[in-house]
Amino acid sequence: MIGASDIRRKIADLFAGNSLDEFEDWFAQNTWNAHLWGDAEFLALVHFVELRLSEHSAGHLTEQQMYDELKDAVQNHRAPLASPVPLVDATSEMHLSFVKEPATPVRR
């Protein structure tokens, strides 16, 4: 399995001339189901990269903006703190806030 350093190395390869298409193919193949096996730093970086690629393909980020943000992630060796997947300890009571009461059936 790969780690955050592998992703950073592949991002650095983009700046050395590798194609974005090659990176996207590699990234998709190597991060599939990462939520099942990755640690918190790795998952944060995966989500960060996925979001930048999505924003770029949807036209919300220019290619240059996307590269600038990816470059920042590589140079600062940081995994962004925000993650779209809540990382909740199973012993925490916080998970109770996500539980909804079952819907009451409507009688006619």
PDB file of N, CA and C in Angstrom:
ATOM      1  N   MET A   1       0.830  -1.183   0.000  1.00  0.00           N
ATOM      2  CA  MET A   1       0.000   0.000   0.000  1.00  0.00           C
ATOM      3  C   MET A   1       0.874   1.247   0.000  1.00  0.00           C
ATOM      4  N   ILE A   2       0.296   2.306  -0.488  1.00  0.00           N
ATOM      5  CA  ILE A   2       1.051   3.545  -0.578  1.00  0.00           C
ATOM      6  C   ILE A   2       0.733   4.439   0.616  1.00  0.00           C
ATOM      7  N   GLY A   3       1.527   5.474   0.776  1.00  0.00           N
ATOM      8  CA  GLY A   3       1.319   6.432   1.853  1.00  0.00           C
ATOM      9  C   GLY A   3       1.305   7.850   1.311  1.00  0.00           C
ATOM     10  N   ALA A   4       1.170   8.805   2.224  1.00  0.00           N
ATOM     11  CA  ALA A   4       1.117  10.215   1.849  1.00  0.00           C
ATOM     12  C   ALA A   4       2.385  10.640   1.105  1.00  0.00           C
ATOM     13  N   SER A   5       3.522  10.106   1.496  1.00  0.00           N
ATOM     14  CA  SER A   5       4.775  10.484   0.822  1.00  0.00           C
ATOM     15  C   SER A   5       4.776  10.036  -0.641  1.00  0.00           C
ATOM     16  N   ASP A   6       4.137   8.915  -0.937  1.00  0.00           N
ATOM     17  CA  ASP A   6       4.040   8.448  -2.328  1.00  0.00           C
ATOM     18  C   ASP A   6       3.193   9.404  -3.164  1.00  0.00           C
ATOM     19  N   ILE A   7       2.099   9.881  -2.584  1.00  0.00           N
ATOM     20  CA  ILE A   7       1.261  10.841  -3.305  1.00  0.00           C
ATOM     21  C   ILE A   7       2.026  12.133  -3.534  1.00  0.00           C
ATOM     22  N   ARG A   8       2.726  12.598  -2.502  1.00  0.00           N
ATOM     23  CA  ARG A   8       3.511  13.834  -2.660  1.00  0.00           C
ATOM     24  C   ARG A   8       4.573  13.679  -3.735  1.00  0.00           C
ATOM     25  N   ARG A   9       5.197  12.506  -3.790  1.00  0.00           N
ATOM     26  CA  ARG A   9       6.232  12.249  -4.805  1.00  0.00           C
ATOM     27  C   ARG A   9       5.620  12.281  -6.210  1.00  0.00           C
ATOM     28  N   LYS A  10       4.424  11.694  -6.374  1.00  0.00           N
ATOM     29  CA  LYS A  10       3.759  11.708  -7.684  1.00  0.00           C
ATOM     30  C   LYS A  10       3.322  13.119  -8.068  1.00  0.00           C
ATOM     31  N   ILE A  11       2.900  13.913  -7.088  1.00  0.00           N
ATOM     32  CA  ILE A  11       2.554  15.309  -7.371  1.00  0.00           C
ATOM     33  C   ILE A  11       3.806  16.056  -7.815  1.00  0.00           C
ATOM     34  N   ALA A  12       4.919  15.806  -7.146  1.00  0.00           N
ATOM     35  CA  ALA A  12       6.182  16.441  -7.535  1.00  0.00           C
ATOM     36  C   ALA A  12       6.561  16.057  -8.960  1.00  0.00           C
ATOM     37  N   ASP A  13       6.242  14.831  -9.363  1.00  0.00           N
ATOM     38  CA  ASP A  13       6.514  14.389 -10.734  1.00  0.00           C
ATOM     39  C   ASP A  13       5.735  15.217 -11.760  1.00  0.00           C
ATOM     40  N   LEU A  14       4.554  15.707 -11.364  1.00  0.00           N
ATOM     41  CA  LEU A  14       3.788  16.591 -12.258  1.00  0.00           C
ATOM     42  C   LEU A  14       4.602  17.831 -12.607  1.00  0.00           C
ATOM     43  N   PHE A  15       5.280  18.361 -11.617  1.00  0.00           N
ATOM     44  CA  PHE A  15       6.068  19.573 -11.833  1.00  0.00           C
ATOM     45  C   PHE A  15       7.372  19.287 -12.567  1.00  0.00           C
ATOM     46  N   ALA A  16       7.716  18.007 -12.662  1.00  0.00           N
ATOM     47  CA  ALA A  16       8.906  17.609 -13.415  1.00  0.00           C
ATOM     48  C   ALA A  16       8.559  17.254 -14.851  1.00  0.00           C
ATOM     49  N   GLY A  17       7.261  17.389 -15.210  1.00  0.00           N
ATOM     50  CA  GLY A  17       6.877  17.162 -16.596  1.00  0.00           C
ATOM     51  C   GLY A  17       5.939  16.011 -16.854  1.00  0.00           C
ATOM     52  N   ASN A  18       5.618  15.205 -15.849  1.00  0.00           N
ATOM     53  CA  ASN A  18       4.658  14.119 -16.080  1.00  0.00           C
ATOM     54  C   ASN A  18       3.277  14.704 -16.346  1.00  0.00           C
ATOM     55  N   SER A  19       2.465  13.965 -17.064  1.00  0.00           N
ATOM     56  CA  SER A  19       1.156  14.486 -17.462  1.00  0.00           C
ATOM     57  C   SER A  19       0.133  14.354 -16.332  1.00  0.00           C
ATOM     58  N   LEU A  20      -0.826  15.250 -16.354  1.00  0.00           N
ATOM     59  CA  LEU A  20      -1.919  15.221 -15.397  1.00  0.00           C
ATOM     60  C   LEU A  20      -2.737  13.946 -15.577  1.00  0.00           C
ATOM     61  N   ASP A  21      -2.947  13.526 -16.823  1.00  0.00           N
ATOM     62  CA  ASP A  21      -3.692  12.293 -17.080  1.00  0.00           C
ATOM     63  C   ASP A  21      -3.019  11.082 -16.437  1.00  0.00           C
ATOM     64  N   GLU A  22      -1.692  11.009 -16.550  1.00  0.00           N
ATOM     65  CA  GLU A  22      -0.953   9.904 -15.923  1.00  0.00           C
ATOM     66  C   GLU A  22      -1.130   9.938 -14.415  1.00  0.00           C
ATOM     67  N   PHE A  23      -1.044  11.137 -13.840  1.00  0.00           N
ATOM     68  CA  PHE A  23      -1.207  11.271 -12.399  1.00  0.00           C
ATOM     69  C   PHE A  23      -2.611  10.836 -11.975  1.00  0.00           C
ATOM     70  N   GLU A  24      -3.618  11.312 -12.681  1.00  0.00           N
ATOM     71  CA  GLU A  24      -5.002  10.965 -12.325  1.00  0.00           C
ATOM     72  C   GLU A  24      -5.234   9.459 -12.401  1.00  0.00           C
ATOM     73  N   ASP A  25      -4.693   8.807 -13.423  1.00  0.00           N
ATOM     74  CA  ASP A  25      -4.827   7.357 -13.543  1.00  0.00           C
ATOM     75  C   ASP A  25      -4.152   6.649 -12.366  1.00  0.00           C
ATOM     76  N   TRP A  26      -2.926   7.054 -12.070  1.00  0.00           N
ATOM     77  CA  TRP A  26      -2.186   6.458 -10.952  1.00  0.00           C
ATOM     78  C   TRP A  26      -2.929   6.695  -9.643  1.00  0.00           C
ATOM     79  N   PHE A  27      -3.377   7.920  -9.437  1.00  0.00           N
ATOM     80  CA  PHE A  27      -4.053   8.295  -8.198  1.00  0.00           C
ATOM     81  C   PHE A  27      -5.318   7.469  -8.000  1.00  0.00           C
ATOM     82  N   ALA A  28      -6.130   7.355  -9.034  1.00  0.00           N
ATOM     83  CA  ALA A  28      -7.382   6.596  -8.932  1.00  0.00           C
ATOM     84  C   ALA A  28      -7.111   5.122  -8.620  1.00  0.00           C
ATOM     85  N   GLN A  29      -6.122   4.546  -9.271  1.00  0.00           N
ATOM     86  CA  GLN A  29      -5.802   3.132  -9.059  1.00  0.00           C
ATOM     87  C   GLN A  29      -5.255   2.866  -7.663  1.00  0.00           C
ATOM     88  N   ASN A  30      -4.489   3.817  -7.133  1.00  0.00           N
ATOM     89  CA  ASN A  30      -3.794   3.582  -5.871  1.00  0.00           C
ATOM     90  C   ASN A  30      -4.506   4.111  -4.632  1.00  0.00           C
ATOM     91  N   THR A  31      -5.597   4.822  -4.829  1.00  0.00           N
ATOM     92  CA  THR A  31      -6.322   5.330  -3.655  1.00  0.00           C
ATOM     93  C   THR A  31      -7.743   4.783  -3.580  1.00  0.00           C
ATOM     94  N   TRP A  32      -8.072   3.868  -4.481  1.00  0.00           N
ATOM     95  CA  TRP A  32      -9.403   3.268  -4.477  1.00  0.00           C
ATOM     96  C   TRP A  32      -9.642   2.584  -3.136  1.00  0.00           C
ATOM     97  N   ASN A  33     -10.755   2.890  -2.492  1.00  0.00           N
ATOM     98  CA  ASN A  33     -11.124   2.331  -1.189  1.00  0.00           C
ATOM     99  C   ASN A  33     -10.109   2.641  -0.094  1.00  0.00           C
ATOM    100  N   ALA A  34      -9.413   3.750  -0.232  1.00  0.00           N
ATOM    101  CA  ALA A  34      -8.404   4.127   0.761  1.00  0.00           C
ATOM    102  C   ALA A  34      -9.005   4.283   2.149  1.00  0.00           C
ATOM    103  N   HIS A  35     -10.276   4.618   2.218  1.00  0.00           N
ATOM    104  CA  HIS A  35     -10.925   4.773   3.523  1.00  0.00           C
ATOM    105  C   HIS A  35     -10.925   3.467   4.317  1.00  0.00           C
ATOM    106  N   LEU A  36     -10.693   2.358   3.639  1.00  0.00           N
ATOM    107  CA  LEU A  36     -10.670   1.063   4.314  1.00  0.00           C
ATOM    108  C   LEU A  36      -9.304   0.744   4.925  1.00  0.00           C
ATOM    109  N   TRP A  37      -8.251   1.425   4.459  1.00  0.00           N
ATOM    110  CA  TRP A  37      -6.921   1.052   4.927  1.00  0.00           C
ATOM    111  C   TRP A  37      -5.991   2.221   5.238  1.00  0.00           C
ATOM    112  N   GLY A  38      -6.346   3.442   4.867  1.00  0.00           N
ATOM    113  CA  GLY A  38      -5.428   4.562   5.045  1.00  0.00           C
ATOM    114  C   GLY A  38      -5.478   5.180   6.434  1.00  0.00           C
ATOM    115  N   ASP A  39      -4.352   5.773   6.842  1.00  0.00           N
ATOM    116  CA  ASP A  39      -4.336   6.492   8.116  1.00  0.00           C
ATOM    117  C   ASP A  39      -4.869   7.911   7.911  1.00  0.00           C
ATOM    118  N   ALA A  40      -5.014   8.668   8.981  1.00  0.00           N
ATOM    119  CA  ALA A  40      -5.649   9.991   8.932  1.00  0.00           C
ATOM    120  C   ALA A  40      -4.897  10.959   8.010  1.00  0.00           C
ATOM    121  N   GLU A  41      -3.565  10.982   8.074  1.00  0.00           N
ATOM    122  CA  GLU A  41      -2.792  11.895   7.219  1.00  0.00           C
ATOM    123  C   GLU A  41      -2.985  11.538   5.749  1.00  0.00           C
ATOM    124  N   PHE A  42      -2.907  10.271   5.453  1.00  0.00           N
ATOM    125  CA  PHE A  42      -3.075   9.800   4.076  1.00  0.00           C
ATOM    126  C   PHE A  42      -4.466  10.150   3.557  1.00  0.00           C
ATOM    127  N   LEU A  43      -5.501   9.868   4.352  1.00  0.00           N
ATOM    128  CA  LEU A  43      -6.869  10.141   3.920  1.00  0.00           C
ATOM    129  C   LEU A  43      -7.119  11.625   3.713  1.00  0.00           C
ATOM    130  N   ALA A  44      -6.562  12.461   4.583  1.00  0.00           N
ATOM    131  CA  ALA A  44      -6.724  13.903   4.418  1.00  0.00           C
ATOM    132  C   ALA A  44      -6.101  14.356   3.104  1.00  0.00           C
ATOM    133  N   LEU A  45      -4.923  13.818   2.773  1.00  0.00           N
ATOM    134  CA  LEU A  45      -4.268  14.188   1.520  1.00  0.00           C
ATOM    135  C   LEU A  45      -5.050  13.652   0.316  1.00  0.00           C
ATOM    136  N   VAL A  46      -5.542  12.437   0.404  1.00  0.00           N
ATOM    137  CA  VAL A  46      -6.356  11.860  -0.679  1.00  0.00           C
ATOM    138  C   VAL A  46      -7.573  12.744  -0.935  1.00  0.00           C
ATOM    139  N   HIS A  47      -8.260  13.142   0.118  1.00  0.00           N
ATOM    140  CA  HIS A  47      -9.455  13.970  -0.035  1.00  0.00           C
ATOM    141  C   HIS A  47      -9.102  15.340  -0.599  1.00  0.00           C
ATOM    142  N   PHE A  48      -7.983  15.888  -0.148  1.00  0.00           N
ATOM    143  CA  PHE A  48      -7.513  17.176  -0.638  1.00  0.00           C
ATOM    144  C   PHE A  48      -7.268  17.108  -2.149  1.00  0.00           C
ATOM    145  N   VAL A  49      -6.544  16.082  -2.587  1.00  0.00           N
ATOM    146  CA  VAL A  49      -6.224  15.928  -4.014  1.00  0.00           C
ATOM    147  C   VAL A  49      -7.491  15.650  -4.819  1.00  0.00           C
ATOM    148  N   GLU A  50      -8.350  14.759  -4.310  1.00  0.00           N
ATOM    149  CA  GLU A  50      -9.603  14.464  -5.022  1.00  0.00           C
ATOM    150  C   GLU A  50     -10.423  15.727  -5.240  1.00  0.00           C
ATOM    151  N   LEU A  51     -10.509  16.556  -4.210  1.00  0.00           N
ATOM    152  CA  LEU A  51     -11.296  17.784  -4.321  1.00  0.00           C
ATOM    153  C   LEU A  51     -10.682  18.724  -5.353  1.00  0.00           C
ATOM    154  N   ARG A  52      -9.366  18.874  -5.356  1.00  0.00           N
ATOM    155  CA  ARG A  52      -8.714  19.762  -6.331  1.00  0.00           C
ATOM    156  C   ARG A  52      -8.907  19.253  -7.755  1.00  0.00           C
ATOM    157  N   LEU A  53      -8.787  17.954  -7.951  1.00  0.00           N
ATOM    158  CA  LEU A  53      -9.000  17.391  -9.286  1.00  0.00           C
ATOM    159  C   LEU A  53     -10.450  17.594  -9.731  1.00  0.00           C
ATOM    160  N   SER A  54     -11.381  17.395  -8.824  1.00  0.00           N
ATOM    161  CA  SER A  54     -12.798  17.591  -9.145  1.00  0.00           C
ATOM    162  C   SER A  54     -13.113  19.046  -9.448  1.00  0.00           C
ATOM    163  N   GLU A  55     -12.573  19.948  -8.620  1.00  0.00           N
ATOM    164  CA  GLU A  55     -12.810  21.380  -8.841  1.00  0.00           C
ATOM    165  C   GLU A  55     -12.251  21.818 -10.194  1.00  0.00           C
ATOM    166  N   HIS A  56     -11.098  21.275 -10.549  1.00  0.00           N
ATOM    167  CA  HIS A  56     -10.492  21.608 -11.833  1.00  0.00           C
ATOM    168  C   HIS A  56     -11.336  21.062 -12.987  1.00  0.00           C
ATOM    169  N   SER A  57     -11.741  19.797 -12.891  1.00  0.00           N
ATOM    170  CA  SER A  57     -12.499  19.211 -14.001  1.00  0.00           C
ATOM    171  C   SER A  57     -13.874  19.854 -14.149  1.00  0.00           C
ATOM    172  N   ALA A  58     -14.412  20.421 -13.060  1.00  0.00           N
ATOM    173  CA  ALA A  58     -15.712  21.098 -13.122  1.00  0.00           C
ATOM    174  C   ALA A  58     -15.578  22.561 -13.541  1.00  0.00           C
ATOM    175  N   GLY A  59     -14.347  23.032 -13.693  1.00  0.00           N
ATOM    176  CA  GLY A  59     -14.129  24.407 -14.116  1.00  0.00           C
ATOM    177  C   GLY A  59     -14.110  25.425 -12.987  1.00  0.00           C
ATOM    178  N   HIS A  60     -14.065  24.946 -11.735  1.00  0.00           N
ATOM    179  CA  HIS A  60     -14.042  25.860 -10.593  1.00  0.00           C
ATOM    180  C   HIS A  60     -12.634  26.315 -10.247  1.00  0.00           C
ATOM    181  N   LEU A  61     -11.641  25.567 -10.687  1.00  0.00           N
ATOM    182  CA  LEU A  61     -10.230  25.947 -10.524  1.00  0.00           C
ATOM    183  C   LEU A  61      -9.570  25.892 -11.891  1.00  0.00           C
ATOM    184  N   THR A  62      -8.767  26.894 -12.180  1.00  0.00           N
ATOM    185  CA  THR A  62      -7.964  26.810 -13.397  1.00  0.00           C
ATOM    186  C   THR A  62      -6.880  25.765 -13.169  1.00  0.00           C
ATOM    187  N   GLU A  63      -6.251  25.345 -14.243  1.00  0.00           N
ATOM    188  CA  GLU A  63      -5.162  24.380 -14.090  1.00  0.00           C
ATOM    189  C   GLU A  63      -4.063  24.963 -13.212  1.00  0.00           C
ATOM    190  N   GLN A  64      -3.754  26.236 -13.401  1.00  0.00           N
ATOM    191  CA  GLN A  64      -2.711  26.879 -12.602  1.00  0.00           C
ATOM    192  C   GLN A  64      -3.087  26.919 -11.118  1.00  0.00           C
ATOM    193  N   GLN A  65      -4.346  27.244 -10.816  1.00  0.00           N
ATOM    194  CA  GLN A  65      -4.782  27.267  -9.412  1.00  0.00           C
ATOM    195  C   GLN A  65      -4.672  25.881  -8.784  1.00  0.00           C
ATOM    196  N   MET A  66      -5.067  24.864  -9.542  1.00  0.00           N
ATOM    197  CA  MET A  66      -4.977  23.499  -9.042  1.00  0.00           C
ATOM    198  C   MET A  66      -3.521  23.132  -8.761  1.00  0.00           C
ATOM    199  N   TYR A  67      -2.642  23.440  -9.719  1.00  0.00           N
ATOM    200  CA  TYR A  67      -1.225  23.144  -9.527  1.00  0.00           C
ATOM    201  C   TYR A  67      -0.657  23.907  -8.334  1.00  0.00           C
ATOM    202  N   ASP A  68      -1.055  25.161  -8.159  1.00  0.00           N
ATOM    203  CA  ASP A  68      -0.568  25.946  -7.021  1.00  0.00           C
ATOM    204  C   ASP A  68      -0.958  25.296  -5.696  1.00  0.00           C
ATOM    205  N   GLU A  69      -2.192  24.831  -5.602  1.00  0.00           N
ATOM    206  CA  GLU A  69      -2.644  24.203  -4.360  1.00  0.00           C
ATOM    207  C   GLU A  69      -1.967  22.860  -4.133  1.00  0.00           C
ATOM    208  N   LEU A  70      -1.782  22.085  -5.185  1.00  0.00           N
ATOM    209  CA  LEU A  70      -1.078  20.812  -5.050  1.00  0.00           C
ATOM    210  C   LEU A  70       0.382  21.046  -4.668  1.00  0.00           C
ATOM    211  N   LYS A  71       0.980  22.061  -5.263  1.00  0.00           N
ATOM    212  CA  LYS A  71       2.380  22.380  -4.959  1.00  0.00           C
ATOM    213  C   LYS A  71       2.533  22.766  -3.496  1.00  0.00           C
ATOM    214  N   ASP A  72       1.581  23.531  -2.986  1.00  0.00           N
ATOM    215  CA  ASP A  72       1.607  23.934  -1.585  1.00  0.00           C
ATOM    216  C   ASP A  72       1.543  22.709  -0.677  1.00  0.00           C
ATOM    217  N   ALA A  73       0.706  21.745  -1.027  1.00  0.00           N
ATOM    218  CA  ALA A  73       0.584  20.526  -0.222  1.00  0.00           C
ATOM    219  C   ALA A  73       1.887  19.731  -0.205  1.00  0.00           C
ATOM    220  N   VAL A  74       2.598  19.737  -1.320  1.00  0.00           N
ATOM    221  CA  VAL A  74       3.857  18.995  -1.409  1.00  0.00           C
ATOM    222  C   VAL A  74       4.980  19.739  -0.679  1.00  0.00           C
ATOM    223  N   GLN A  75       5.103  21.024  -0.932  1.00  0.00           N
ATOM    224  CA  GLN A  75       6.201  21.792  -0.348  1.00  0.00           C
ATOM    225  C   GLN A  75       6.112  21.895   1.165  1.00  0.00           C
ATOM    226  N   ASN A  76       4.907  22.017   1.682  1.00  0.00           N
ATOM    227  CA  ASN A  76       4.741  22.193   3.126  1.00  0.00           C
ATOM    228  C   ASN A  76       4.526  20.884   3.863  1.00  0.00           C
ATOM    229  N   HIS A  77       4.550  19.777   3.125  1.00  0.00           N
ATOM    230  CA  HIS A  77       4.351  18.445   3.717  1.00  0.00           C
ATOM    231  C   HIS A  77       3.205  18.469   4.705  1.00  0.00           C
ATOM    232  N   ARG A  78       2.118  19.042   4.246  1.00  0.00           N
ATOM    233  CA  ARG A  78       0.957  19.117   5.129  1.00  0.00           C
ATOM    234  C   ARG A  78      -0.206  18.372   4.506  1.00  0.00           C
ATOM    235  N   ALA A  79      -0.977  17.798   5.366  1.00  0.00           N
ATOM    236  CA  ALA A  79      -2.261  17.260   4.951  1.00  0.00           C
ATOM    237  C   ALA A  79      -3.292  18.216   5.508  1.00  0.00           C
ATOM    238  N   PRO A  80      -4.134  18.757   4.678  1.00  0.00           N
ATOM    239  CA  PRO A  80      -5.129  19.703   5.170  1.00  0.00           C
ATOM    240  C   PRO A  80      -5.935  19.110   6.315  1.00  0.00           C
ATOM    241  N   LEU A  81      -6.306  19.952   7.255  1.00  0.00           N
ATOM    242  CA  LEU A  81      -7.008  19.474   8.440  1.00  0.00           C
ATOM    243  C   LEU A  81      -8.454  19.103   8.153  1.00  0.00           C
ATOM    244  N   ALA A  82      -9.068  19.802   7.220  1.00  0.00           N
ATOM    245  CA  ALA A  82     -10.472  19.527   6.929  1.00  0.00           C
ATOM    246  C   ALA A  82     -10.594  18.245   6.127  1.00  0.00           C
ATOM    247  N   SER A  83     -11.503  17.409   6.540  1.00  0.00           N
ATOM    248  CA  SER A  83     -11.744  16.151   5.833  1.00  0.00           C
ATOM    249  C   SER A  83     -13.244  15.962   5.704  1.00  0.00           C
ATOM    250  N   PRO A  84     -13.727  15.610   4.508  1.00  0.00           N
ATOM    251  CA  PRO A  84     -15.155  15.423   4.352  1.00  0.00           C
ATOM    252  C   PRO A  84     -15.684  14.181   5.071  1.00  0.00           C
ATOM    253  N   VAL A  85     -14.799  13.321   5.513  1.00  0.00           N
ATOM    254  CA  VAL A  85     -15.221  12.121   6.217  1.00  0.00           C
ATOM    255  C   VAL A  85     -15.006  12.331   7.705  1.00  0.00           C
ATOM    256  N   PRO A  86     -16.071  12.295   8.523  1.00  0.00           N
ATOM    257  CA  PRO A  86     -15.881  12.496   9.954  1.00  0.00           C
ATOM    258  C   PRO A  86     -15.088  11.348  10.544  1.00  0.00           C
ATOM    259  N   LEU A  87     -14.019  11.678  11.239  1.00  0.00           N
ATOM    260  CA  LEU A  87     -13.196  10.670  11.893  1.00  0.00           C
ATOM    261  C   LEU A  87     -13.605  10.665  13.361  1.00  0.00           C
ATOM    262  N   VAL A  88     -14.562   9.810  13.710  1.00  0.00           N
ATOM    263  CA  VAL A  88     -15.132   9.777  15.045  1.00  0.00           C
ATOM    264  C   VAL A  88     -14.728   8.487  15.729  1.00  0.00           C
ATOM    265  N   ASP A  89     -14.238   8.619  16.941  1.00  0.00           N
ATOM    266  CA  ASP A  89     -13.889   7.466  17.748  1.00  0.00           C
ATOM    267  C   ASP A  89     -15.178   6.719  18.112  1.00  0.00           C
ATOM    268  N   ALA A  90     -15.173   5.422  17.998  1.00  0.00           N
ATOM    269  CA  ALA A  90     -16.379   4.632  18.269  1.00  0.00           C
ATOM    270  C   ALA A  90     -16.836   4.768  19.711  1.00  0.00           C
ATOM    271  N   THR A  91     -15.930   5.134  20.614  1.00  0.00           N
ATOM    272  CA  THR A  91     -16.317   5.271  22.018  1.00  0.00           C
ATOM    273  C   THR A  91     -16.871   6.657  22.317  1.00  0.00           C
ATOM    274  N   SER A  92     -16.768   7.542  21.362  1.00  0.00           N
ATOM    275  CA  SER A  92     -17.236   8.915  21.552  1.00  0.00           C
ATOM    276  C   SER A  92     -18.754   8.972  21.502  1.00  0.00           C
ATOM    277  N   GLU A  93     -19.324   9.866  22.279  1.00  0.00           N
ATOM    278  CA  GLU A  93     -20.767  10.054  22.228  1.00  0.00           C
ATOM    279  C   GLU A  93     -21.163  10.943  21.064  1.00  0.00           C
ATOM    280  N   MET A  94     -20.183  11.522  20.381  1.00  0.00           N
ATOM    281  CA  MET A  94     -20.455  12.400  19.262  1.00  0.00           C
ATOM    282  C   MET A  94     -21.248  11.682  18.171  1.00  0.00           C
ATOM    283  N   HIS A  95     -20.999  10.388  18.004  1.00  0.00           N
ATOM    284  CA  HIS A  95     -21.680   9.654  16.939  1.00  0.00           C
ATOM    285  C   HIS A  95     -23.189   9.637  17.131  1.00  0.00           C
ATOM    286  N   LEU A  96     -23.651   9.859  18.340  1.00  0.00           N
ATOM    287  CA  LEU A  96     -25.088   9.851  18.597  1.00  0.00           C
ATOM    288  C   LEU A  96     -25.806  10.996  17.895  1.00  0.00           C
ATOM    289  N   SER A  97     -25.086  12.069  17.612  1.00  0.00           N
ATOM    290  CA  SER A  97     -25.720  13.199  16.948  1.00  0.00           C
ATOM    291  C   SER A  97     -26.092  12.879  15.505  1.00  0.00           C
ATOM    292  N   PHE A  98     -25.547  11.809  14.954  1.00  0.00           N
ATOM    293  CA  PHE A  98     -25.850  11.436  13.584  1.00  0.00           C
ATOM    294  C   PHE A  98     -27.010  10.440  13.499  1.00  0.00           C
ATOM    295  N   VAL A  99     -27.472   9.959  14.646  1.00  0.00           N
ATOM    296  CA  VAL A  99     -28.541   8.965  14.669  1.00  0.00           C
ATOM    297  C   VAL A  99     -29.884   9.684  14.635  1.00  0.00           C
ATOM    298  N   LYS A 100     -30.747   9.264  13.733  1.00  0.00           N
ATOM    299  CA  LYS A 100     -32.075   9.860  13.624  1.00  0.00           C
ATOM    300  C   LYS A 100     -33.105   8.842  14.095  1.00  0.00           C
ATOM    301  N   GLU A 101     -34.173   9.353  14.629  1.00  0.00           N
ATOM    302  CA  GLU A 101     -35.280   8.498  15.023  1.00  0.00           C
ATOM    303  C   GLU A 101     -35.934   7.942  13.771  1.00  0.00           C
ATOM    304  N   PRO A 102     -36.448   6.720  13.837  1.00  0.00           N
ATOM    305  CA  PRO A 102     -37.135   6.183  12.666  1.00  0.00           C
ATOM    306  C   PRO A 102     -38.388   7.002  12.361  1.00  0.00           C
ATOM    307  N   ALA A 103     -38.704   7.099  11.097  1.00  0.00           N
ATOM    308  CA  ALA A 103     -39.873   7.865  10.683  1.00  0.00           C
ATOM    309  C   ALA A 103     -41.142   7.182  11.182  1.00  0.00           C
ATOM    310  N   THR A 104     -42.081   7.988  11.619  1.00  0.00           N
ATOM    311  CA  THR A 104     -43.365   7.459  12.065  1.00  0.00           C
ATOM    312  C   THR A 104     -44.229   7.237  10.841  1.00  0.00           C
ATOM    313  N   PRO A 105     -44.803   6.033  10.702  1.00  0.00           N
ATOM    314  CA  PRO A 105     -45.626   5.778   9.516  1.00  0.00           C
ATOM    315  C   PRO A 105     -46.873   6.664   9.509  1.00  0.00           C
ATOM    316  N   VAL A 106     -47.264   7.077   8.343  1.00  0.00           N
ATOM    317  CA  VAL A 106     -48.451   7.908   8.177  1.00  0.00           C
ATOM    318  C   VAL A 106     -49.639   6.984   8.047  1.00  0.00           C
ATOM    319  N   ARG A 107     -50.671   7.225   8.872  1.00  0.00           N
ATOM    320  CA  ARG A 107     -51.883   6.387   8.802  1.00  0.00           C
ATOM    321  C   ARG A 107     -52.917   7.115   7.966  1.00  0.00           C
ATOM    322  N   ARG A 108     -53.567   6.368   7.115  1.00  0.00           N
ATOM    323  CA  ARG A 108     -54.593   6.962   6.260  1.00  0.00           C
ATOM    324  C   ARG A 108     -55.945   6.431   6.587  1.00  0.00           C
TER     325      ARG A 108
END
